[in-house]
C-alpha atoms as a PDB file:
ATOM      1  CA  MET A   1      21.716  72.877   5.283  1.00  0.00           C
ATOM      2  CA  PRO A   2      23.667  69.738   6.300  1.00  0.00           C
ATOM      3  CA  GLU A   3      21.822  66.420   6.162  1.00  0.00           C
ATOM      4  CA  GLU A   4      23.239  65.456   9.557  1.00  0.00           C
ATOM      5  CA  ALA A   5      25.822  66.604  12.089  1.00  0.00           C
ATOM      6  CA  HIS A   6      27.159  65.396  15.460  1.00  0.00           C
ATOM      7  CA  TYR A   7      27.564  67.392  18.695  1.00  0.00           C
ATOM      8  CA  LEU A   8      28.677  66.786  22.278  1.00  0.00           C
ATOM      9  CA  PRO A   9      26.197  67.608  25.083  1.00  0.00           C
ATOM     10  CA  GLY A  10      25.923  71.345  25.672  1.00  0.00           C
ATOM     11  CA  GLU A  11      27.457  72.404  22.351  1.00  0.00           C
ATOM     12  CA  PRO A  12      25.327  74.936  20.442  1.00  0.00           C
ATOM     13  CA  ILE A  13      23.703  73.278  17.435  1.00  0.00           C
ATOM     14  CA  GLU A  14      23.799  75.676  14.498  1.00  0.00           C
ATOM     15  CA  VAL A  15      21.673  75.072  11.414  1.00  0.00           C
ATOM     16  CA  LYS A  16      21.565  77.321   8.368  1.00  0.00           C
ATOM     17  CA  LEU A  17      19.026  77.177   5.540  1.00  0.00           C
ATOM     18  CA  SER A  18      19.780  78.910   2.249  1.00  0.00           C
ATOM     19  CA  ILE A  19      17.343  79.325  -0.629  1.00  0.00           C
ATOM     20  CA  THR A  20      18.620  80.590  -3.994  1.00  0.00           C
ATOM     21  CA  ASN A  21      16.412  81.745  -6.835  1.00  0.00           C
ATOM     22  CA  THR A  22      18.084  80.170  -9.858  1.00  0.00           C
ATOM     23  CA  SER A  23      15.229  81.071 -12.205  1.00  0.00           C
ATOM     24  CA  SER A  24      14.715  84.192 -14.318  1.00  0.00           C
ATOM     25  CA  ASP A  25      11.527  85.196 -12.465  1.00  0.00           C
ATOM     26  CA  VAL A  26      10.816  86.545  -8.992  1.00  0.00           C
ATOM     27  CA  ILE A  27       9.673  83.958  -6.441  1.00  0.00           C
ATOM     28  CA  VAL A  28       7.686  84.816  -3.328  1.00  0.00           C
ATOM     29  CA  MET A  29       7.838  83.134   0.071  1.00  0.00           C
ATOM     30  CA  SER A  30       4.402  83.449   1.658  1.00  0.00           C
ATOM     31  CA  GLN A  31       5.789  83.961   5.179  1.00  0.00           C
ATOM     32  CA  TYR A  32       9.279  84.964   6.221  1.00  0.00           C
ATOM     33  CA  PRO A  33      11.156  83.848   8.209  1.00  0.00           C
ATOM     34  CA  PRO A  34       9.719  80.327   8.513  1.00  0.00           C
ATOM     35  CA  GLU A  35       8.729  78.734  11.796  1.00  0.00           C
ATOM     36  CA  ILE A  36      11.390  76.355  13.166  1.00  0.00           C
ATOM     37  CA  GLN A  37      10.796  73.312  15.392  1.00  0.00           C
ATOM     38  CA  VAL A  38      13.128  70.888  17.161  1.00  0.00           C
ATOM     39  CA  THR A  39      11.763  67.403  17.883  1.00  0.00           C
ATOM     40  CA  PRO A  40      13.107  63.906  18.554  1.00  0.00           C
ATOM     41  CA  TRP A  41      13.781  62.270  15.186  1.00  0.00           C
ATOM     42  CA  GLN A  42      11.327  59.423  15.797  1.00  0.00           C
ATOM     43  CA  ASP A  43       8.684  61.500  17.623  1.00  0.00           C
ATOM     44  CA  ARG A  44       7.874  64.546  15.483  1.00  0.00           C
ATOM     45  CA  ASP A  45       4.800  65.480  17.549  1.00  0.00           C
ATOM     46  CA  ARG A  46       6.890  66.231  20.666  1.00  0.00           C
ATOM     47  CA  ILE A  47       8.238  69.766  20.260  1.00  0.00           C
ATOM     48  CA  LEU A  48      11.336  70.438  22.377  1.00  0.00           C
ATOM     49  CA  SER A  49      12.140  73.924  21.116  1.00  0.00           C
ATOM     50  CA  SER A  50      10.697  76.287  18.523  1.00  0.00           C
ATOM     51  CA  ARG A  51      10.966  79.728  16.996  1.00  0.00           C
ATOM     52  CA  VAL A  52       7.885  81.561  15.778  1.00  0.00           C
ATOM     53  CA  GLY A  53       7.827  82.424  12.095  1.00  0.00           C
ATOM     54  CA  GLY A  54       7.075  85.731  10.457  1.00  0.00           C
ATOM     55  CA  THR A  55       3.808  86.765   8.847  1.00  0.00           C
ATOM     56  CA  GLN A  56       4.952  88.902   5.903  1.00  0.00           C
ATOM     57  CA  PRO A  57       5.789  87.659   2.379  1.00  0.00           C
ATOM     58  CA  LEU A  58       9.290  87.974   0.959  1.00  0.00           C
ATOM     59  CA  GLU A  59      10.291  88.420  -2.685  1.00  0.00           C
ATOM     60  CA  ILE A  60      13.458  86.673  -3.876  1.00  0.00           C
ATOM     61  CA  LYS A  61      14.808  88.158  -7.088  1.00  0.00           C
ATOM     62  CA  PRO A  62      16.576  86.077  -9.752  1.00  0.00           C
ATOM     63  CA  GLY A  63      20.089  85.181  -8.594  1.00  0.00           C
ATOM     64  CA  ASP A  64      19.439  86.245  -4.998  1.00  0.00           C
ATOM     65  CA  THR A  65      19.925  84.000  -1.950  1.00  0.00           C
ATOM     66  CA  ILE A  66      18.169  84.295   1.398  1.00  0.00           C
ATOM     67  CA  THR A  67      19.583  82.633   4.506  1.00  0.00           C
ATOM     68  CA  VAL A  68      17.881  81.635   7.756  1.00  0.00           C
ATOM     69  CA  ASP A  69      20.109  80.884  10.772  1.00  0.00           C
ATOM     70  CA  PHE A  70      18.992  78.934  13.832  1.00  0.00           C
ATOM     71  CA  THR A  71      20.880  77.926  16.972  1.00  0.00           C
ATOM     72  CA  TRP A  72      19.576  75.352  19.465  1.00  0.00           C
ATOM     73  CA  ASP A  73      21.142  75.206  22.929  1.00  0.00           C
ATOM     74  CA  GLN A  74      20.055  71.536  23.283  1.00  0.00           C
ATOM     75  CA  LYS A  75      17.507  72.458  25.954  1.00  0.00           C
ATOM     76  CA  ASN A  76      13.804  71.600  25.969  1.00  0.00           C
ATOM     77  CA  MET A  77      10.894  73.916  26.764  1.00  0.00           C
ATOM     78  CA  GLU A  78      11.562  73.486  30.502  1.00  0.00           C
ATOM     79  CA  GLY A  79      15.192  74.535  30.144  1.00  0.00           C
ATOM     80  CA  GLU A  80      16.523  70.997  30.635  1.00  0.00           C
ATOM     81  CA  GLN A  81      19.394  69.497  28.658  1.00  0.00           C
ATOM     82  CA  SER A  82      18.108  67.070  26.019  1.00  0.00           C
ATOM     83  CA  PRO A  83      19.582  63.558  26.284  1.00  0.00           C
ATOM     84  CA  PRO A  84      21.905  62.088  23.646  1.00  0.00           C
ATOM     85  CA  GLY A  85      20.145  60.878  20.530  1.00  0.00           C
ATOM     86  CA  TRP A  86      18.889  61.970  17.118  1.00  0.00           C
ATOM     87  CA  TYR A  87      16.860  65.172  16.682  1.00  0.00           C
ATOM     88  CA  ALA A  88      15.116  66.900  13.788  1.00  0.00           C
ATOM     89  CA  VAL A  89      15.452  70.649  13.176  1.00  0.00           C
ATOM     90  CA  THR A  90      12.623  71.436  10.770  1.00  0.00           C
ATOM     91  CA  PHE A  91      11.914  74.660   8.871  1.00  0.00           C
ATOM     92  CA  LYS A  92       8.135  74.435   8.743  1.00  0.00           C
ATOM     93  CA  ASP A  93       5.775  74.875   5.801  1.00  0.00           C
ATOM     94  CA  ILE A  94       7.923  76.969   3.498  1.00  0.00           C
ATOM     95  CA  SER A  95       5.568  77.991   0.700  1.00  0.00           C
ATOM     96  CA  VAL A  96       7.097  79.455  -2.465  1.00  0.00           C
ATOM     97  CA  THR A  97       5.143  80.863  -5.410  1.00  0.00           C
ATOM     98  CA  GLN A  98       6.343  81.683  -8.913  1.00  0.00           C
ATOM     99  CA  GLY A  99       3.653  82.940 -11.241  1.00  0.00           C
ATOM    100  CA  ASP A 100       0.784  80.474 -10.992  1.00  0.00           C
ATOM    101  CA  ARG A 101       2.960  77.684  -9.589  1.00  0.00           C
ATOM    102  CA  SER A 102       3.516  77.052  -5.893  1.00  0.00           C
ATOM    103  CA  ILE A 103       5.232  74.461  -3.731  1.00  0.00           C
ATOM    104  CA  THR A 104       5.384  73.830   0.015  1.00  0.00           C
ATOM    105  CA  PHE A 105       8.243  71.969   1.666  1.00  0.00           C
ATOM    106  CA  ASN A 106       9.694  71.281   5.123  1.00  0.00           C
ATOM    107  CA  PRO A 107      13.498  71.003   4.927  1.00  0.00           C
ATOM    108  CA  THR A 108      14.891  69.139   7.925  1.00  0.00           C
ATOM    109  CA  ALA A 109      18.373  68.739   9.376  1.00  0.00           C
ATOM    110  CA  ARG A 110      19.190  65.568  11.347  1.00  0.00           C
ATOM    111  CA  VAL A 111      21.473  66.202  14.314  1.00  0.00           C
ATOM    112  CA  LEU A 112      22.953  63.779  16.842  1.00  0.00           C
ATOM    113  CA  ILE A 113      23.834  64.591  20.432  1.00  0.00           C
ATOM    114  CA  LEU A 114      26.625  62.168  21.325  1.00  0.00           C
ATOM    115  CA  TYR A 115      27.234  60.240  24.538  1.00  0.00           C
ATOM    116  CA  PRO A 116      30.372  61.628  26.215  1.00  0.00           C
ATOM    117  CA  GLN A 117      31.431  58.068  27.146  1.00  0.00           C
ATOM    118  CA  GLY A 118      30.851  56.796  23.608  1.00  0.00           C
ATOM    119  CA  ALA A 119      28.219  54.473  22.132  1.00  0.00           C
ATOM    120  CA  MET A 120      27.944  50.700  22.301  1.00  0.00           C
ATOM    121  CA  GLU A 121      28.874  48.715  19.188  1.00  0.00           C
ATOM    122  CA  LYS A 122      27.824  45.064  19.026  1.00  0.00           C
ATOM    123  CA  SER A 123      25.359  42.686  17.406  1.00  0.00           C
ATOM    124  CA  LEU A 124      22.983  40.556  19.484  1.00  0.00           C
ATOM    125  CA  ASP A 125      21.215  37.433  18.231  1.00  0.00           C
ATOM    126  CA  LEU A 126      18.195  37.299  20.532  1.00  0.00           C
ATOM    127  CA  ASN A 127      15.403  35.014  19.304  1.00  0.00           C
ATOM    128  CA  LEU A 128      13.160  35.983  22.230  1.00  0.00           C
ATOM    129  CA  SER A 129       9.435  35.277  21.882  1.00  0.00           C
ATOM    130  CA  GLN A 130       6.427  36.709  23.690  1.00  0.00           C
ATOM    131  CA  THR A 131       2.766  35.773  23.227  1.00  0.00           C
ATOM    132  CA  VAL A 132       0.009  38.266  24.040  1.00  0.00           C
ATOM    133  CA  ASN A 133      -3.663  37.687  23.164  1.00  0.00           C
ATOM    134  CA  ASP A 134      -2.635  34.572  21.187  1.00  0.00           C
ATOM    135  CA  ILE A 135      -0.287  36.623  18.968  1.00  0.00           C
ATOM    136  CA  THR A 136       3.388  35.645  19.118  1.00  0.00           C
ATOM    137  CA  ILE A 137       6.197  38.030  18.208  1.00  0.00           C
ATOM    138  CA  THR A 138       9.863  37.024  18.123  1.00  0.00           C
ATOM    139  CA  LEU A 139      12.540  39.646  18.699  1.00  0.00           C
ATOM    140  CA  GLU A 140      15.237  38.248  16.406  1.00  0.00           C
ATOM    141  CA  ARG A 141      18.259  40.497  16.384  1.00  0.00           C
ATOM    142  CA  MET A 142      19.660  43.867  17.387  1.00  0.00           C
ATOM    143  CA  GLU A 143      22.530  45.714  15.731  1.00  0.00           C
ATOM    144  CA  LEU A 144      24.180  48.539  17.665  1.00  0.00           C
ATOM    145  CA  ILE A 145      26.665  50.899  16.036  1.00  0.00           C
ATOM    146  CA  ALA A 146      28.156  54.230  17.069  1.00  0.00           C
ATOM    147  CA  THR A 147      25.379  56.300  15.514  1.00  0.00           C
ATOM    148  CA  SER A 148      22.255  54.131  15.610  1.00  0.00           C
ATOM    149  CA  VAL A 149      20.448  50.922  16.548  1.00  0.00           C
ATOM    150  CA  LYS A 150      18.542  48.538  14.269  1.00  0.00           C
ATOM    151  CA  VAL A 151      16.015  46.010  15.599  1.00  0.00           C
ATOM    152  CA  TYR A 152      14.498  42.997  13.803  1.00  0.00           C
ATOM    153  CA  ALA A 153      11.324  41.129  14.839  1.00  0.00           C
ATOM    154  CA  PHE A 154       9.177  38.428  13.247  1.00  0.00           C
ATOM    155  CA  ASN A 155       5.483  37.538  13.378  1.00  0.00           C
ATOM    156  CA  THR A 156       3.089  35.259  11.528  1.00  0.00           C
ATOM    157  CA  PRO A 157      -0.341  36.968  11.573  1.00  0.00           C
ATOM    158  CA  PRO A 158      -3.408  34.697  11.752  1.00  0.00           C
ATOM    159  CA  GLY A 159      -4.419  33.663   8.228  1.00  0.00           C
ATOM    160  CA  TYR A 160      -1.122  34.790   6.687  1.00  0.00           C
ATOM    161  CA  SER A 161      -0.132  33.368   3.318  1.00  0.00           C
ATOM    162  CA  LEU A 162       2.169  34.517   0.538  1.00  0.00           C
ATOM    163  CA  PRO A 163       0.911  33.185  -2.829  1.00  0.00           C
ATOM    164  CA  PRO A 164       3.719  31.865  -5.070  1.00  0.00           C
ATOM    165  CA  GLY A 165       4.934  34.484  -7.518  1.00  0.00           C
ATOM    166  CA  GLN A 166       3.218  37.356  -5.711  1.00  0.00           C
ATOM    167  CA  PRO A 167       5.197  40.317  -4.278  1.00  0.00           C
ATOM    168  CA  GLY A 168       3.043  40.418  -1.161  1.00  0.00           C
ATOM    169  CA  PRO A 169       0.047  38.956   0.637  1.00  0.00           C
ATOM    170  CA  ALA A 170      -3.491  40.349   0.670  1.00  0.00           C
ATOM    171  CA  PRO A 171      -3.694  44.037   1.690  1.00  0.00           C
ATOM    172  CA  SER A 172      -5.194  43.013   5.051  1.00  0.00           C
ATOM    173  CA  MET A 173      -1.810  41.464   5.901  1.00  0.00           C
ATOM    174  CA  TRP A 174       0.156  44.686   5.378  1.00  0.00           C
ATOM    175  CA  ILE A 175       0.576  45.011   9.126  1.00  0.00           C
ATOM    176  CA  HIS A 176       3.022  47.441  10.737  1.00  0.00           C
ATOM    177  CA  ALA A 177       4.061  47.475  14.381  1.00  0.00           C
ATOM    178  CA  GLU A 178       4.566  50.341  16.830  1.00  0.00           C
ATOM    179  CA  ALA A 179       7.183  50.137  19.566  1.00  0.00           C
ATOM    180  CA  GLU A 180       9.061  52.029  22.254  1.00  0.00           C
ATOM    181  CA  TYR A 181      12.171  51.346  24.286  1.00  0.00           C
ATOM    182  CA  SER A 182      14.228  52.530  27.232  1.00  0.00           C
ATOM    183  CA  ILE A 183      17.812  52.090  28.394  1.00  0.00           C
ATOM    184  CA  ASP A 184      18.304  51.146  32.062  1.00  0.00           C
ATOM    185  CA  THR A 185      16.177  53.661  34.012  1.00  0.00           C
ATOM    186  CA  GLY A 186      16.130  56.277  31.230  1.00  0.00           C
ATOM    187  CA  ALA A 187      13.172  57.874  29.503  1.00  0.00           C
ATOM    188  CA  VAL A 188      10.961  55.939  27.108  1.00  0.00           C
ATOM    189  CA  ARG A 189      11.665  56.657  23.441  1.00  0.00           C
ATOM    190  CA  LYS A 190       9.411  55.946  20.462  1.00  0.00           C
ATOM    191  CA  THR A 191      10.590  53.960  17.434  1.00  0.00           C
ATOM    192  CA  GLY A 192       8.011  54.947  14.836  1.00  0.00           C
ATOM    193  CA  SER A 193       6.287  52.332  12.669  1.00  0.00           C
ATOM    194  CA  SER A 194       8.184  49.246  11.583  1.00  0.00           C
ATOM    195  CA  GLY A 195       9.358  48.627   8.067  1.00  0.00           C
ATOM    196  CA  ILE A 196       8.016  45.301   6.812  1.00  0.00           C
ATOM    197  CA  ARG A 197       9.294  42.525   4.553  1.00  0.00           C
ATOM    198  CA  PHE A 198       7.041  39.676   3.454  1.00  0.00           C
ATOM    199  CA  LEU A 199       8.483  36.187   3.869  1.00  0.00           C
ATOM    200  CA  GLY A 200       6.995  32.820   3.022  1.00  0.00           C
ATOM    201  CA  ASN A 201       6.052  32.120   6.621  1.00  0.00           C
ATOM    202  CA  GLY A 202       5.357  35.586   8.005  1.00  0.00           C
ATOM    203  CA  ILE A 203       6.448  39.222   8.236  1.00  0.00           C
ATOM    204  CA  ARG A 204       9.810  40.590   9.324  1.00  0.00           C
ATOM    205  CA  HIS A 205       9.583  43.951  11.091  1.00  0.00           C
ATOM    206  CA  THR A 206      12.529  46.330  11.153  1.00  0.00           C
ATOM    207  CA  TRP A 207      13.118  49.522  13.102  1.00  0.00           C
ATOM    208  CA  ASP A 208      16.252  51.411  12.116  1.00  0.00           C
ATOM    209  CA  ASN A 209      17.875  54.769  12.776  1.00  0.00           C
ATOM    210  CA  LEU A 210      17.050  54.463  16.478  1.00  0.00           C
ATOM    211  CA  ASP A 211      19.137  56.425  18.955  1.00  0.00           C
ATOM    212  CA  PRO A 212      22.532  54.922  19.816  1.00  0.00           C
ATOM    213  CA  VAL A 213      23.039  53.189  23.178  1.00  0.00           C
ATOM    214  CA  PRO A 214      25.645  54.401  25.710  1.00  0.00           C
ATOM    215  CA  SER A 215      28.716  52.187  26.025  1.00  0.00           C
ATOM    216  CA  ASP A 216      28.088  51.584  29.740  1.00  0.00           C
ATOM    217  CA  ALA A 217      24.397  50.574  29.419  1.00  0.00           C
ATOM    218  CA  LYS A 218      23.287  47.430  31.243  1.00  0.00           C
ATOM    219  CA  GLU A 219      19.840  46.635  29.844  1.00  0.00           C
ATOM    220  CA  MET A 220      17.353  47.665  27.169  1.00  0.00           C
ATOM    221  CA  THR A 221      13.606  47.238  27.519  1.00  0.00           C
ATOM    222  CA  PHE A 222      12.005  46.948  24.073  1.00  0.00           C
ATOM    223  CA  ARG A 223       8.218  47.052  24.065  1.00  0.00           C
ATOM    224  CA  ILE A 224       6.096  46.440  20.968  1.00  0.00           C
ATOM    225  CA  THR A 225       2.905  48.284  21.858  1.00  0.00           C
ATOM    226  CA  LYS A 226       0.759  47.525  18.833  1.00  0.00           C
ATOM    227  CA  LEU A 227       0.749  45.139  15.861  1.00  0.00           C
ATOM    228  CA  GLY A 228      -1.789  46.290  13.308  1.00  0.00           C
ATOM    229  CA  ASP A 229      -5.094  46.271  15.221  1.00  0.00           C
ATOM    230  CA  TRP A 230      -3.755  43.977  17.971  1.00  0.00           C
ATOM    231  CA  GLU A 231      -2.842  45.660  21.235  1.00  0.00           C
ATOM    232  CA  GLY A 232       0.199  44.553  23.239  1.00  0.00           C
ATOM    233  CA  PRO A 233       2.479  45.081  24.848  1.00  0.00           C
ATOM    234  CA  TRP A 234       5.012  42.442  23.894  1.00  0.00           C
ATOM    235  CA  GLU A 235       7.874  43.326  26.220  1.00  0.00           C
ATOM    236  CA  PHE A 236      11.471  42.123  26.009  1.00  0.00           C
ATOM    237  CA  LYS A 237      14.315  42.653  28.498  1.00  0.00           C
ATOM    238  CA  ILE A 238      17.683  42.589  26.726  1.00  0.00           C
ATOM    239  CA  PRO A 239      20.942  42.402  28.723  1.00  0.00           C
ATOM    240  CA  LEU A 240      23.637  44.586  27.184  1.00  0.00           C
ATOM    241  CA  ASP A 241      26.668  44.080  29.440  1.00  0.00           C
END
């Protein structure tokens, strides 16, 4: 199964999972074939397409390989074309037993639907600040490349301190942020939780592997909806043209 692959809109997305028994004993899959789900990469709870799994076990003899093929037509449950961006094709809850040992895993392929007009490539130094409920967040920088977007923000939580020689502050300061964004008048997309880096004066938040931006986009709206237990939103309008 490829780790990632790129497709133009409308092209069938074909994913193949192969499992080989390289041991000297029979292994048993508890249910075959596995359930398959397609979701946005950053929003795994939103199922766009799926295929029901089987209910019967399957034995895989030593040296044998089983293969599961899946094709996604890029359409959602309503039959609509999915917009360009990153998607996850996940083979769900594959449970394999060998003797008294068992393991469950969820192999996932990462696939990108491309913009026909191409994606924007530029770096933007922003340094835009918003204060909500006495909490200030600064949107520092945005890096756009052909396959993804990376966003950096900064915040100093109340009571923050980084003791000298310590790798991080008190556990109460391990604060992640949630965000969402949209391009022009397009749909809102989730970013997932921020990665965090502790600095002497605060916390840098990073969101990476976001969907690329079309080359003809005019504006991005980036909205930080939650910072730890603090509710936002901290909203930023970013010109792109």
